[in-house]
Amino acid sequence: SLFITNSIQAQENSTTTINANNLSKHLSTIILPEPIKRVQPKYPINA
């Protein structure tokens, strides 16, 4: 992990066009759908 951090740190002087914190939130946020009906799968007979 530290090696990766150091490798990425070498790019620190690159121009960034988006705030890192906002990017992190954007990448990890998913719109969750609201279920009304869910059918459970059948267990295969042979299994």
All heavy atoms as atom14 arrays in JSON, in Angstrom:
{
  "sequence": "SLFITNSIQAQENSTTTINANNLSKHLSTIILPEPIKRVQPKYPINA",
  "atom14_mask": [
    [1, 1, 1, 1, 1, 1, 0, 0, 0, 0, 0, 0, 0, 0],
    [1, 1, 1, 1, 1, 1, 1, 1, 0, 0, 0, 0, 0, 0],
    [1, 1, 1, 1, 1, 1, 1, 1, 1, 1, 1, 0, 0, 0],
    [1, 1, 1, 1, 1, 1, 1, 1, 0, 0, 0, 0, 0, 0],
    [1, 1, 1, 1, 1, 1, 1, 0, 0, 0, 0, 0, 0, 0],
    [1, 1, 1, 1, 1, 1, 1, 1, 0, 0, 0, 0, 0, 0],
    [1, 1, 1, 1, 1, 1, 0, 0, 0, 0, 0, 0, 0, 0],
    [1, 1, 1, 1, 1, 1, 1, 1, 0, 0, 0, 0, 0, 0],
    [1, 1, 1, 1, 1, 1, 1, 1, 1, 0, 0, 0, 0, 0],
    [1, 1, 1, 1, 1, 0, 0, 0, 0, 0, 0, 0, 0, 0],
    [1, 1, 1, 1, 1, 1, 1, 1, 1, 0, 0, 0, 0, 0],
    [1, 1, 1, 1, 1, 1, 1, 1, 1, 0, 0, 0, 0, 0],
    [1, 1, 1, 1, 1, 1, 1, 1, 0, 0, 0, 0, 0, 0],
    [1, 1, 1, 1, 1, 1, 0, 0, 0, 0, 0, 0, 0, 0],
    [1, 1, 1, 1, 1, 1, 1, 0, 0, 0, 0, 0, 0, 0],
    [1, 1, 1, 1, 1, 1, 1, 0, 0, 0, 0, 0, 0, 0],
    [1, 1, 1, 1, 1, 1, 1, 0, 0, 0, 0, 0, 0, 0],
    [1, 1, 1, 1, 1, 1, 1, 1, 0, 0, 0, 0, 0, 0],
    [1, 1, 1, 1, 1, 1, 1, 1, 0, 0, 0, 0, 0, 0],
    [1, 1, 1, 1, 1, 0, 0, 0, 0, 0, 0, 0, 0, 0],
    [1, 1, 1, 1, 1, 1, 1, 1, 0, 0, 0, 0, 0, 0],
    [1, 1, 1, 1, 1, 1, 1, 1, 0, 0, 0, 0, 0, 0],
    [1, 1, 1, 1, 1, 1, 1, 1, 0, 0, 0, 0, 0, 0],
    [1, 1, 1, 1, 1, 1, 0, 0, 0, 0, 0, 0, 0, 0],
    [1, 1, 1, 1, 1, 1, 1, 1, 1, 0, 0, 0, 0, 0],
    [1, 1, 1, 1, 1, 1, 1, 1, 1, 1, 0, 0, 0, 0],
    [1, 1, 1, 1, 1, 1, 1, 1, 0, 0, 0, 0, 0, 0],
    [1, 1, 1, 1, 1, 1, 0, 0, 0, 0, 0, 0, 0, 0],
    [1, 1, 1, 1, 1, 1, 1, 0, 0, 0, 0, 0, 0, 0],
    [1, 1, 1, 1, 1, 1, 1, 1, 0, 0, 0, 0, 0, 0],
    [1, 1, 1, 1, 1, 1, 1, 1, 0, 0, 0, 0, 0, 0],
    [1, 1, 1, 1, 1, 1, 1, 1, 0, 0, 0, 0, 0, 0],
    [1, 1, 1, 1, 1, 1, 1, 0, 0, 0, 0, 0, 0, 0],
    [1, 1, 1, 1, 1, 1, 1, 1, 1, 0, 0, 0, 0, 0],
    [1, 1, 1, 1, 1, 1, 1, 0, 0, 0, 0, 0, 0, 0],
    [1, 1, 1, 1, 1, 1, 1, 1, 0, 0, 0, 0, 0, 0],
    [1, 1, 1, 1, 1, 1, 1, 1, 1, 0, 0, 0, 0, 0],
    [1, 1, 1, 1, 1, 1, 1, 1, 1, 1, 1, 0, 0, 0],
    [1, 1, 1, 1, 1, 1, 1, 0, 0, 0, 0, 0, 0, 0],
    [1, 1, 1, 1, 1, 1, 1, 1, 1, 0, 0, 0, 0, 0],
    [1, 1, 1, 1, 1, 1, 1, 0, 0, 0, 0, 0, 0, 0],
    [1, 1, 1, 1, 1, 1, 1, 1, 1, 0, 0, 0, 0, 0],
    [1, 1, 1, 1, 1, 1, 1, 1, 1, 1, 1, 1, 0, 0],
    [1, 1, 1, 1, 1, 1, 1, 0, 0, 0, 0, 0, 0, 0],
    [1, 1, 1, 1, 1, 1, 1, 1, 0, 0, 0, 0, 0, 0],
    [1, 1, 1, 1, 1, 1, 1, 1, 0, 0, 0, 0, 0, 0],
    [1, 1, 1, 1, 1, 0, 0, 0, 0, 0, 0, 0, 0, 0]
  ],
  "atom14_positions": [
    [[0.82, -1.2, 0.0], [0.0, 0.0, 0.0], [0.86, 1.25, 0.0], [0.59, 2.22, -0.7], [-0.93, -0.01, 1.22], [-1.76, 1.11, 1.21], [0.0, 0.0, 0.0], [0.0, 0.0, 0.0], [0.0, 0.0, 0.0], [0.0, 0.0, 0.0], [0.0, 0.0, 0.0], [0.0, 0.0, 0.0], [0.0, 0.0, 0.0], [0.0, 0.0, 0.0]],
    [[1.94, 1.24, 0.8], [2.84, 2.39, 0.87], [3.55, 2.6, -0.46], [3.76, 3.72, -0.9], [3.86, 2.18, 1.99], [3.34, 2.39, 3.41], [4.37, 1.89, 4.41], [3.01, 3.85, 3.67], [0.0, 0.0, 0.0], [0.0, 0.0, 0.0], [0.0, 0.0, 0.0], [0.0, 0.0, 0.0], [0.0, 0.0, 0.0], [0.0, 0.0, 0.0]],
    [[3.92, 1.49, -1.12], [4.56, 1.59, -2.42], [3.63, 2.26, -3.42], [4.04, 3.12, -4.2], [4.94, 0.19, -2.92], [5.45, 0.19, -4.34], [6.73, 0.6, -4.63], [4.61, -0.21, -5.37], [7.19, 0.61, -5.94], [5.07, -0.21, -6.68], [6.36, 0.19, -6.96], [0.0, 0.0, 0.0], [0.0, 0.0, 0.0], [0.0, 0.0, 0.0]],
    [[2.36, 1.85, -3.38], [1.38, 2.44, -4.29], [1.21, 3.93, -3.97], [1.15, 4.77, -4.86], [0.03, 1.71, -4.16], [0.2, 0.27, -4.65], [-1.06, 2.41, -4.95], [-0.96, -0.62, -4.3], [0.0, 0.0, 0.0], [0.0, 0.0, 0.0], [0.0, 0.0, 0.0], [0.0, 0.0, 0.0], [0.0, 0.0, 0.0], [0.0, 0.0, 0.0]],
    [[1.16, 4.25, -2.67], [1.02, 5.64, -2.26], [2.18, 6.47, -2.79], [2.0, 7.57, -3.33], [0.98, 5.75, -0.72], [-0.1, 4.97, -0.23], [0.79, 7.19, -0.28], [0.0, 0.0, 0.0], [0.0, 0.0, 0.0], [0.0, 0.0, 0.0], [0.0, 0.0, 0.0], [0.0, 0.0, 0.0], [0.0, 0.0, 0.0], [0.0, 0.0, 0.0]],
    [[3.41, 5.96, -2.65], [4.58, 6.68, -3.11], [4.58, 6.84, -4.62], [4.99, 7.87, -5.15], [5.85, 5.96, -2.66], [6.04, 6.02, -1.15], [5.55, 6.94, -0.51], [6.74, 5.05, -0.59], [0.0, 0.0, 0.0], [0.0, 0.0, 0.0], [0.0, 0.0, 0.0], [0.0, 0.0, 0.0], [0.0, 0.0, 0.0], [0.0, 0.0, 0.0]],
    [[4.12, 5.79, -5.33], [4.06, 5.86, -6.8], [3.09, 6.93, -7.24], [3.35, 7.68, -8.18], [3.63, 4.5, -7.37], [4.58, 3.51, -7.04], [0.0, 0.0, 0.0], [0.0, 0.0, 0.0], [0.0, 0.0, 0.0], [0.0, 0.0, 0.0], [0.0, 0.0, 0.0], [0.0, 0.0, 0.0], [0.0, 0.0, 0.0], [0.0, 0.0, 0.0]],
    [[1.94, 6.98, -6.56], [0.93, 7.98, -6.92], [1.4, 9.38, -6.53], [1.14, 10.36, -7.2], [-0.41, 7.63, -6.24], [-0.94, 6.32, -6.83], [-1.43, 8.74, -6.44], [-2.13, 5.78, -6.11], [0.0, 0.0, 0.0], [0.0, 0.0, 0.0], [0.0, 0.0, 0.0], [0.0, 0.0, 0.0], [0.0, 0.0, 0.0], [0.0, 0.0, 0.0]],
    [[2.16, 9.45, -5.41], [2.62, 10.74, -4.92], [3.54, 11.41, -5.93], [3.64, 12.63, -5.99], [3.35, 10.55, -3.58], [3.5, 11.85, -2.8], [3.88, 11.59, -1.37], [4.2, 10.48, -0.99], [3.85, 12.63, -0.57], [0.0, 0.0, 0.0], [0.0, 0.0, 0.0], [0.0, 0.0, 0.0], [0.0, 0.0, 0.0], [0.0, 0.0, 0.0]],
    [[4.2, 10.59, -6.76], [5.08, 11.14, -7.78], [4.32, 11.96, -8.8], [4.9, 12.77, -9.52], [5.84, 10.02, -8.48], [0.0, 0.0, 0.0], [0.0, 0.0, 0.0], [0.0, 0.0, 0.0], [0.0, 0.0, 0.0], [0.0, 0.0, 0.0], [0.0, 0.0, 0.0], [0.0, 0.0, 0.0], [0.0, 0.0, 0.0], [0.0, 0.0, 0.0]],
    [[2.99, 11.75, -8.85], [2.16, 12.48, -9.81], [1.52, 13.72, -9.17], [0.67, 14.37, -9.77], [1.05, 11.56, -10.35], [1.53, 10.24, -10.88], [2.39, 10.38, -12.1], [2.29, 11.39, -12.79], [3.22, 9.39, -12.37], [0.0, 0.0, 0.0], [0.0, 0.0, 0.0], [0.0, 0.0, 0.0], [0.0, 0.0, 0.0], [0.0, 0.0, 0.0]],
    [[1.92, 14.08, -7.93], [1.23, 15.15, -7.2], [1.27, 16.49, -7.93], [0.4, 17.32, -7.77], [1.85, 15.31, -5.81], [1.3, 14.35, -4.79], [1.78, 14.66, -3.39], [2.93, 15.06, -3.23], [0.98, 14.51, -2.46], [0.0, 0.0, 0.0], [0.0, 0.0, 0.0], [0.0, 0.0, 0.0], [0.0, 0.0, 0.0], [0.0, 0.0, 0.0]],
    [[2.32, 16.7, -8.74], [2.45, 17.97, -9.42], [1.53, 18.1, -10.62], [1.44, 19.14, -11.24], [3.9, 18.17, -9.88], [4.85, 18.29, -8.69], [4.47, 18.81, -7.64], [6.08, 17.8, -8.86], [0.0, 0.0, 0.0], [0.0, 0.0, 0.0], [0.0, 0.0, 0.0], [0.0, 0.0, 0.0], [0.0, 0.0, 0.0], [0.0, 0.0, 0.0]],
    [[0.83, 16.98, -10.97], [-0.11, 17.02, -12.1], [-1.27, 17.93, -11.78], [-1.69, 18.05, -10.63], [-0.63, 15.6, -12.38], [0.44, 14.76, -12.72], [0.0, 0.0, 0.0], [0.0, 0.0, 0.0], [0.0, 0.0, 0.0], [0.0, 0.0, 0.0], [0.0, 0.0, 0.0], [0.0, 0.0, 0.0], [0.0, 0.0, 0.0], [0.0, 0.0, 0.0]],
    [[-1.83, 18.57, -12.81], [-2.99, 19.44, -12.62], [-4.22, 18.61, -12.33], [-4.57, 17.73, -13.09], [-3.23, 20.28, -13.88], [-2.05, 21.01, -14.17], [-4.39, 21.23, -13.67], [0.0, 0.0, 0.0], [0.0, 0.0, 0.0], [0.0, 0.0, 0.0], [0.0, 0.0, 0.0], [0.0, 0.0, 0.0], [0.0, 0.0, 0.0], [0.0, 0.0, 0.0]],
    [[-4.91, 18.88, -11.21], [-6.14, 18.18, -10.9], [-7.32, 19.05, -11.25], [-7.3, 20.26, -11.05], [-6.2, 17.81, -9.4], [-6.09, 19.01, -8.63], [-5.09, 16.87, -9.03], [0.0, 0.0, 0.0], [0.0, 0.0, 0.0], [0.0, 0.0, 0.0], [0.0, 0.0, 0.0], [0.0, 0.0, 0.0], [0.0, 0.0, 0.0], [0.0, 0.0, 0.0]],
    [[-8.37, 18.44, -11.79], [-9.53, 19.2, -12.25], [-10.75, 18.94, -11.39], [-11.81, 19.44, -11.69], [-9.85, 18.82, -13.69], [-10.14, 17.43, -13.75], [-8.7, 19.12, -14.62], [0.0, 0.0, 0.0], [0.0, 0.0, 0.0], [0.0, 0.0, 0.0], [0.0, 0.0, 0.0], [0.0, 0.0, 0.0], [0.0, 0.0, 0.0], [0.0, 0.0, 0.0]],
    [[-10.59, 18.15, -10.34], [-11.75, 17.82, -9.51], [-11.28, 17.6, -8.09], [-10.2, 17.06, -7.85], [-12.46, 16.57, -10.06], [-13.75, 16.3, -9.29], [-11.57, 15.35, -10.04], [-14.63, 15.25, -9.96], [0.0, 0.0, 0.0], [0.0, 0.0, 0.0], [0.0, 0.0, 0.0], [0.0, 0.0, 0.0], [0.0, 0.0, 0.0], [0.0, 0.0, 0.0]],
    [[-12.04, 18.05, -7.12], [-11.68, 17.9, -5.72], [-11.66, 16.43, -5.33], [-12.59, 15.69, -5.62], [-12.69, 18.67, -4.86], [-12.38, 18.57, -3.39], [-12.78, 17.61, -2.74], [-11.66, 19.55, -2.87], [0.0, 0.0, 0.0], [0.0, 0.0, 0.0], [0.0, 0.0, 0.0], [0.0, 0.0, 0.0], [0.0, 0.0, 0.0], [0.0, 0.0, 0.0]],
    [[-10.58, 15.99, -4.66], [-10.42, 14.57, -4.34], [-11.53, 14.06, -3.43], [-12.02, 12.95, -3.62], [-9.06, 14.34, -3.67], [0.0, 0.0, 0.0], [0.0, 0.0, 0.0], [0.0, 0.0, 0.0], [0.0, 0.0, 0.0], [0.0, 0.0, 0.0], [0.0, 0.0, 0.0], [0.0, 0.0, 0.0], [0.0, 0.0, 0.0], [0.0, 0.0, 0.0]],
    [[-11.93, 14.85, -2.44], [-12.98, 14.4, -1.53], [-14.3, 14.23, -2.26], [-15.03, 13.26, -2.04], [-13.14, 15.4, -0.38], [-11.95, 15.39, 0.57], [-11.3, 14.36, 0.72], [-11.67, 16.52, 1.18], [0.0, 0.0, 0.0], [0.0, 0.0, 0.0], [0.0, 0.0, 0.0], [0.0, 0.0, 0.0], [0.0, 0.0, 0.0], [0.0, 0.0, 0.0]],
    [[-14.62, 15.17, -3.14], [-15.86, 15.06, -3.91], [-15.81, 13.87, -4.84], [-16.81, 13.17, -5.05], [-16.09, 16.34, -4.72], [-16.45, 17.51, -3.84], [-16.91, 17.33, -2.71], [-16.23, 18.72, -4.33], [0.0, 0.0, 0.0], [0.0, 0.0, 0.0], [0.0, 0.0, 0.0], [0.0, 0.0, 0.0], [0.0, 0.0, 0.0], [0.0, 0.0, 0.0]],
    [[-14.64, 13.62, -5.42], [-14.49, 12.48, -6.32], [-14.72, 11.18, -5.57], [-15.41, 10.28, -6.04], [-13.11, 12.48, -6.96], [-12.8, 11.33, -7.9], [-13.76, 11.34, -9.08], [-11.36, 11.41, -8.4], [0.0, 0.0, 0.0], [0.0, 0.0, 0.0], [0.0, 0.0, 0.0], [0.0, 0.0, 0.0], [0.0, 0.0, 0.0], [0.0, 0.0, 0.0]],
    [[-14.15, 11.09, -4.37], [-14.31, 9.88, -3.56], [-15.77, 9.62, -3.28], [-16.25, 8.49, -3.4], [-13.54, 10.01, -2.24], [-13.71, 8.87, -1.45], [0.0, 0.0, 0.0], [0.0, 0.0, 0.0], [0.0, 0.0, 0.0], [0.0, 0.0, 0.0], [0.0, 0.0, 0.0], [0.0, 0.0, 0.0], [0.0, 0.0, 0.0], [0.0, 0.0, 0.0]],
    [[-16.51, 10.66, -2.92], [-17.93, 10.5, -2.63], [-18.68, 10.09, -3.9], [-19.58, 9.26, -3.87], [-18.51, 11.81, -2.08], [-17.99, 12.17, -0.7], [-18.53, 13.51, -0.25], [-17.97, 13.91, 1.12], [-18.46, 15.24, 1.54], [0.0, 0.0, 0.0], [0.0, 0.0, 0.0], [0.0, 0.0, 0.0], [0.0, 0.0, 0.0], [0.0, 0.0, 0.0]],
    [[-18.29, 10.67, -5.03], [-18.95, 10.36, -6.3], [-18.75, 8.91, -6.69], [-19.67, 8.23, -7.11], [-18.39, 11.27, -7.39], [-18.83, 10.9, -8.77], [-20.09, 11.15, -9.25], [-18.18, 10.27, -9.78], [-20.21, 10.72, -10.48], [-19.05, 10.17, -10.83], [0.0, 0.0, 0.0], [0.0, 0.0, 0.0], [0.0, 0.0, 0.0], [0.0, 0.0, 0.0]],
    [[-17.53, 8.41, -6.5], [-17.23, 7.05, -6.92], [-17.89, 6.01, -6.04], [-18.18, 4.9, -6.48], [-15.71, 6.83, -6.91], [-14.92, 7.64, -7.92], [-13.43, 7.34, -7.77], [-15.36, 7.34, -9.34], [0.0, 0.0, 0.0], [0.0, 0.0, 0.0], [0.0, 0.0, 0.0], [0.0, 0.0, 0.0], [0.0, 0.0, 0.0], [0.0, 0.0, 0.0]],
    [[-18.09, 6.34, -4.77], [-18.61, 5.33, -3.84], [-20.11, 5.47, -3.58], [-20.67, 4.75, -2.78], [-17.86, 5.42, -2.51], [-18.0, 6.7, -1.94], [0.0, 0.0, 0.0], [0.0, 0.0, 0.0], [0.0, 0.0, 0.0], [0.0, 0.0, 0.0], [0.0, 0.0, 0.0], [0.0, 0.0, 0.0], [0.0, 0.0, 0.0], [0.0, 0.0, 0.0]],
    [[-20.77, 6.41, -4.27], [-22.2, 6.63, -4.06], [-22.99, 6.0, -5.2], [-22.73, 6.26, -6.36], [-22.52, 8.14, -3.99], [-21.79, 8.7, -2.91], [-24.0, 8.35, -3.76], [0.0, 0.0, 0.0], [0.0, 0.0, 0.0], [0.0, 0.0, 0.0], [0.0, 0.0, 0.0], [0.0, 0.0, 0.0], [0.0, 0.0, 0.0], [0.0, 0.0, 0.0]],
    [[-23.95, 5.17, -4.85], [-24.81, 4.55, -5.84], [-26.26, 4.8, -5.45], [-26.61, 4.7, -4.28], [-24.56, 3.03, -5.93], [-23.13, 2.76, -6.42], [-25.56, 2.36, -6.86], [-22.77, 1.31, -6.45], [0.0, 0.0, 0.0], [0.0, 0.0, 0.0], [0.0, 0.0, 0.0], [0.0, 0.0, 0.0], [0.0, 0.0, 0.0], [0.0, 0.0, 0.0]],
    [[-27.08, 5.18, -6.42], [-28.5, 5.38, -6.15], [-29.14, 4.03, -5.87], [-29.14, 3.15, -6.73], [-29.19, 6.06, -7.34], [-28.57, 7.44, -7.61], [-30.69, 6.21, -7.07], [-29.1, 8.1, -8.86], [0.0, 0.0, 0.0], [0.0, 0.0, 0.0], [0.0, 0.0, 0.0], [0.0, 0.0, 0.0], [0.0, 0.0, 0.0], [0.0, 0.0, 0.0]],
    [[-29.69, 3.85, -4.69], [-30.29, 2.58, -4.32], [-31.76, 2.56, -4.71], [-32.53, 3.41, -4.3], [-30.15, 2.34, -2.81], [-28.72, 2.21, -2.29], [-28.73, 2.05, -0.77], [-28.03, 1.03, -2.94], [0.0, 0.0, 0.0], [0.0, 0.0, 0.0], [0.0, 0.0, 0.0], [0.0, 0.0, 0.0], [0.0, 0.0, 0.0], [0.0, 0.0, 0.0]],
    [[-32.17, 1.59, -5.53], [-33.59, 1.49, -5.9], [-34.43, 1.01, -4.74], [-33.93, 0.36, -3.82], [-33.57, 0.47, -7.03], [-32.37, -0.37, -6.75], [-31.35, 0.56, -6.15], [0.0, 0.0, 0.0], [0.0, 0.0, 0.0], [0.0, 0.0, 0.0], [0.0, 0.0, 0.0], [0.0, 0.0, 0.0], [0.0, 0.0, 0.0], [0.0, 0.0, 0.0]],
    [[-35.71, 1.33, -4.76], [-36.62, 0.93, -3.67], [-37.47, -0.26, -4.13], [-38.31, -0.13, -5.01], [-37.53, 2.11, -3.31], [-38.42, 1.83, -2.12], [-39.26, 3.03, -1.74], [-38.88, 4.17, -2.08], [-40.32, 2.82, -1.09], [0.0, 0.0, 0.0], [0.0, 0.0, 0.0], [0.0, 0.0, 0.0], [0.0, 0.0, 0.0], [0.0, 0.0, 0.0]],
    [[-37.23, -1.43, -3.55], [-37.95, -2.62, -4.0], [-39.4, -2.65, -3.52], [-39.73, -2.2, -2.42], [-37.16, -3.76, -3.36], [-36.55, -3.16, -2.13], [-36.26, -1.72, -2.48], [0.0, 0.0, 0.0], [0.0, 0.0, 0.0], [0.0, 0.0, 0.0], [0.0, 0.0, 0.0], [0.0, 0.0, 0.0], [0.0, 0.0, 0.0], [0.0, 0.0, 0.0]],
    [[-40.27, -3.16, -4.35], [-41.68, -3.37, -4.01], [-41.96, -4.86, -3.85], [-42.64, -5.3, -2.94], [-42.61, -2.78, -5.09], [-42.41, -1.27, -5.19], [-44.07, -3.12, -4.8], [-43.19, -0.64, -6.34], [0.0, 0.0, 0.0], [0.0, 0.0, 0.0], [0.0, 0.0, 0.0], [0.0, 0.0, 0.0], [0.0, 0.0, 0.0], [0.0, 0.0, 0.0]],
    [[-41.38, -5.66, -4.75], [-41.6, -7.1, -4.74], [-40.3, -7.82, -5.09], [-39.64, -7.48, -6.07], [-42.68, -7.48, -5.76], [-42.89, -8.97, -5.94], [-43.86, -9.24, -7.09], [-44.0, -10.73, -7.37], [-44.87, -11.0, -8.53], [0.0, 0.0, 0.0], [0.0, 0.0, 0.0], [0.0, 0.0, 0.0], [0.0, 0.0, 0.0], [0.0, 0.0, 0.0]],
    [[-39.93, -8.8, -4.27], [-38.76, -9.62, -4.55], [-39.13, -11.1, -4.43], [-39.68, -11.52, -3.41], [-37.61, -9.3, -3.6], [-36.86, -8.02, -3.97], [-35.64, -7.8, -3.11], [-34.87, -6.67, -3.57], [-33.79, -6.21, -2.95], [-33.37, -6.79, -1.84], [-33.13, -5.17, -3.43], [0.0, 0.0, 0.0], [0.0, 0.0, 0.0], [0.0, 0.0, 0.0]],
    [[-38.82, -11.84, -5.45], [-39.09, -13.27, -5.47], [-37.8, -14.02, -5.17], [-36.76, -13.75, -5.79], [-39.62, -13.71, -6.85], [-39.81, -15.22, -6.91], [-40.92, -12.98, -7.16], [0.0, 0.0, 0.0], [0.0, 0.0, 0.0], [0.0, 0.0, 0.0], [0.0, 0.0, 0.0], [0.0, 0.0, 0.0], [0.0, 0.0, 0.0], [0.0, 0.0, 0.0]],
    [[-37.82, -14.93, -4.2], [-36.64, -15.7, -3.85], [-36.38, -16.77, -4.91], [-37.32, -17.38, -5.42], [-36.82, -16.35, -2.49], [-36.87, -15.38, -1.32], [-35.6, -14.56, -1.19], [-34.5, -15.1, -1.31], [-35.75, -13.26, -0.96], [0.0, 0.0, 0.0], [0.0, 0.0, 0.0], [0.0, 0.0, 0.0], [0.0, 0.0, 0.0], [0.0, 0.0, 0.0]],
    [[-35.11, -17.0, -5.25], [-34.81, -18.03, -6.24], [-35.08, -19.43, -5.7], [-34.96, -19.67, -4.49], [-33.32, -17.82, -6.52], [-32.79, -17.24, -5.25], [-33.89, -16.35, -4.73], [0.0, 0.0, 0.0], [0.0, 0.0, 0.0], [0.0, 0.0, 0.0], [0.0, 0.0, 0.0], [0.0, 0.0, 0.0], [0.0, 0.0, 0.0], [0.0, 0.0, 0.0]],
    [[-35.43, -20.34, -6.58], [-35.62, -21.73, -6.19], [-34.26, -22.43, -6.09], [-33.37, -22.16, -6.89], [-36.49, -22.47, -7.21], [-37.93, -21.98, -7.26], [-38.74, -22.78, -8.28], [-40.19, -22.3, -8.32], [-40.98, -23.08, -9.33], [0.0, 0.0, 0.0], [0.0, 0.0, 0.0], [0.0, 0.0, 0.0], [0.0, 0.0, 0.0], [0.0, 0.0, 0.0]],
    [[-34.14, -23.29, -5.1], [-32.9, -24.04, -4.96], [-32.93, -25.17, -5.98], [-33.85, -25.98, -5.99], [-32.79, -24.64, -3.55], [-31.38, -24.74, -3.02], [-30.95, -23.9, -2.0], [-30.48, -25.65, -3.55], [-29.65, -23.99, -1.5], [-29.18, -25.74, -3.08], [-28.77, -24.9, -2.05], [-27.48, -24.98, -1.58], [0.0, 0.0, 0.0], [0.0, 0.0, 0.0]],
    [[-31.92, -25.24, -6.89], [-31.92, -26.31, -7.9], [-32.02, -27.69, -7.24], [-31.34, -27.97, -6.25], [-30.57, -26.13, -8.59], [-30.22, -24.69, -8.37], [-30.76, -24.35, -7.02], [0.0, 0.0, 0.0], [0.0, 0.0, 0.0], [0.0, 0.0, 0.0], [0.0, 0.0, 0.0], [0.0, 0.0, 0.0], [0.0, 0.0, 0.0], [0.0, 0.0, 0.0]],
    [[-32.89, -28.55, -7.77], [-33.16, -29.85, -7.16], [-31.89, -30.69, -7.02], [-31.6, -31.24, -5.95], [-34.21, -30.62, -7.98], [-35.55, -29.87, -7.94], [-34.38, -32.04, -7.45], [-36.62, -30.5, -8.81], [0.0, 0.0, 0.0], [0.0, 0.0, 0.0], [0.0, 0.0, 0.0], [0.0, 0.0, 0.0], [0.0, 0.0, 0.0], [0.0, 0.0, 0.0]],
    [[-31.11, -30.79, -8.1], [-29.9, -31.61, -8.05], [-28.88, -31.06, -7.05], [-28.2, -31.83, -6.37], [-29.26, -31.7, -9.44], [-30.08, -32.54, -10.4], [-30.83, -33.41, -9.97], [-29.94, -32.27, -11.68], [0.0, 0.0, 0.0], [0.0, 0.0, 0.0], [0.0, 0.0, 0.0], [0.0, 0.0, 0.0], [0.0, 0.0, 0.0], [0.0, 0.0, 0.0]],
    [[-28.81, -29.73, -6.94], [-27.89, -29.12, -5.98], [-28.34, -29.41, -4.55], [-27.53, -29.7, -3.67], [-27.82, -27.62, -6.21], [0.0, 0.0, 0.0], [0.0, 0.0, 0.0], [0.0, 0.0, 0.0], [0.0, 0.0, 0.0], [0.0, 0.0, 0.0], [0.0, 0.0, 0.0], [0.0, 0.0, 0.0], [0.0, 0.0, 0.0], [0.0, 0.0, 0.0]]
  ]
}
